[in-house]
Amino acid sequence: MAVTPARARALALALPDAEERPHVDRFAFRTPRKTFATLAGDGRDINLMFDHALQEHYCAMAPEAFEVHPSGWGRMGITRCALKRVDAATLASALQAAHALAQPKPKAARKRKAKP
């Protein structure tokens, strides 16, 4: 059931336009727009940048693996996932959801004024 740090990294980097960058004492996985996950330097957990609906969903679905981040970041949707307690399919799903939230928003078509 456990996911290794190498497998978590591979799952994150398999997502479109994902790249890895150092982030304090962690490794950040980013889209061109923003970070969607950070892997702990010791490889024990991965933080997912969720909205509140996704945070609630994953924490209810697999409470043994997912928890609201205990810092103030948790109130903003950041969710901690224990790699020893999650399976690869569930982590892949969670990474895909966080990645989707980090994608650039499509630009709205500009309305043009009709020429008189």
Foldseek 3Di string as FASTA:
>chain_A
DFDFLVLLVVLLVVDPQWDWDDDDQWIFIAHVQGTAKTAGNVRFKMKGQAAPVLLVVVCVVQVVFKDQPPDPVSVRPIIIGGRGRDDSVSSSVRSVRSRVVRDDDDDDDDDDDDDD
